[in-house]
Amino acid sequence: MRKWLLVFCAIIVLTIGQGLALAAPQWNAVVDRIEQTMNQSLVVHKSGDTVTAKKMVNDAYYGTYEKDGLEKAVNSTVSAKRANLTEYKFSTIKKLMTNQAPEAQIKKQIDELIAMMREDVGQMSSGGKQHDSWATFWPAFLILVREGVEAILVIAAIIAYLIKSGNGEKTRIIYNYSAGAVVASFVTAILFRSAISISGASQEIMEGVTMWLAVFVLFSVSHWMRSKSDEKSWGNYIEGKVKSSLSSGNTLSLGVASFLAVYREGAELVLFYQALFNDAGDDMHMIWLGFGLGCIALVAIFALIRYGSLKMPIKPFFQGTSILMCVMALSFAGTGVSKLQEGGIVDVTLINGMPMFDLLGIYPTLETLLPQILLLTMIIGNVMYQKRKKLKEVVS
């Protein structure tokens, strides 16, 4: 086991050592290109070719504002709210073109868009606002620790049960398969990241779909954790896993159970981290820092649980992290719809005067809020169902 710990620590050190080097272009020149493209799109729209005009608006957004890095710069230096309002302005212009709005109305929106960008560039030149990079670090750290601790609880409980039942020699199988699951999780992350290395509207759509996959996983994990949030339910779950393997004499099934316990968390992490990377902007290094320190924390937690006297309190841990999963699901739901709006497959209906809370995925559009309200209703209903179910079990 010490060998695997050394290998794992080496991976952590290499991970923390990763960095990003980004060169900032001349932002005023970027805005000039966007202004030129937007004005040309208006000319094309006047000629009656709305489809080409909207494509030119997309080119200005995806091909210049986003691709040249101005969106990320505004997001990290000015504010995420400002970057989103700029994105909504692009969507508004395309919507006006679709609805054949008067030329003066479209021109007014284009002028406001360019004025916003000039203002943002001026603010960036003067230093901009202080961006809270730790808002990116903490989700990366907490997600990894939460998922890792769940896997550790399963593995440590299986090992303890094996030793207690006189099958200590089988623990090596658990370690080997668990280590294999960690490697498989890294491979999955690399393959997943390579599969979505696309750009433009397709990338926004893929990112939105990824976030919604993460929402479904978060909701199901939260439900599962609440159902196992007492010592009896957790003990029965682990005992059932081990007893079925030992009674059949199939040690391979023990290894597979350990592999799946770890890989399930690893596969979930791939989704969660991809969702974080999608919205990280210039703070990707903080995600890697959160990941590295989270790994170190997990090594320490495993050592304390396995070789020390630490006993993880099941109920508060599962209930607390279940709440965290629900909050993250709500945040990813709003951000996921926002990405689909950027991809042009979901409409944008702005709610004037509504504040934006980017960290919680709350945006001033009807399309982002409705799924969050529905999801919140489902979460409350699930909590009430779990409480009623446990109450019936106690009574019976």
Foldseek 3Di string as FASTA:
>chain_A
DVVLVVVLLVVLVVLLPDDDDDDADLLVVLLVVLLVLLVVLLVVLVVVCLVVSLVSLLCNVFVGCVVNQVLLLLCQFAHPQLSLVLLVLSQVLNVCSVVVHDSVVSVVSSVVSSVSSVVSSVLVVVRHDHGDLVLLQVVLQVLLLLLLVQLLVLLLLLCVVCVVVVNNVLNVLLVVLLSVLVVVLVVVLVVVVVVLPDTGLSNLLVLLVLLLVLLVVLLVLLLVLLLCQDPVSVVVVSCVQNVVCVVVVNSVSVSVVSSCSNNVSSNSSSSVVSNSVVSNRNSVSSSSVSNSVSSVVSVVVSCCSNVNDDDDNRNVSSNVVSVVSLQSSLQSQLSSVSSNVSSVPDHFAFDPPDDDDNSSSRHRTPRSVVVSVVSVVVSVVSVVVSVVVVVVVVVD
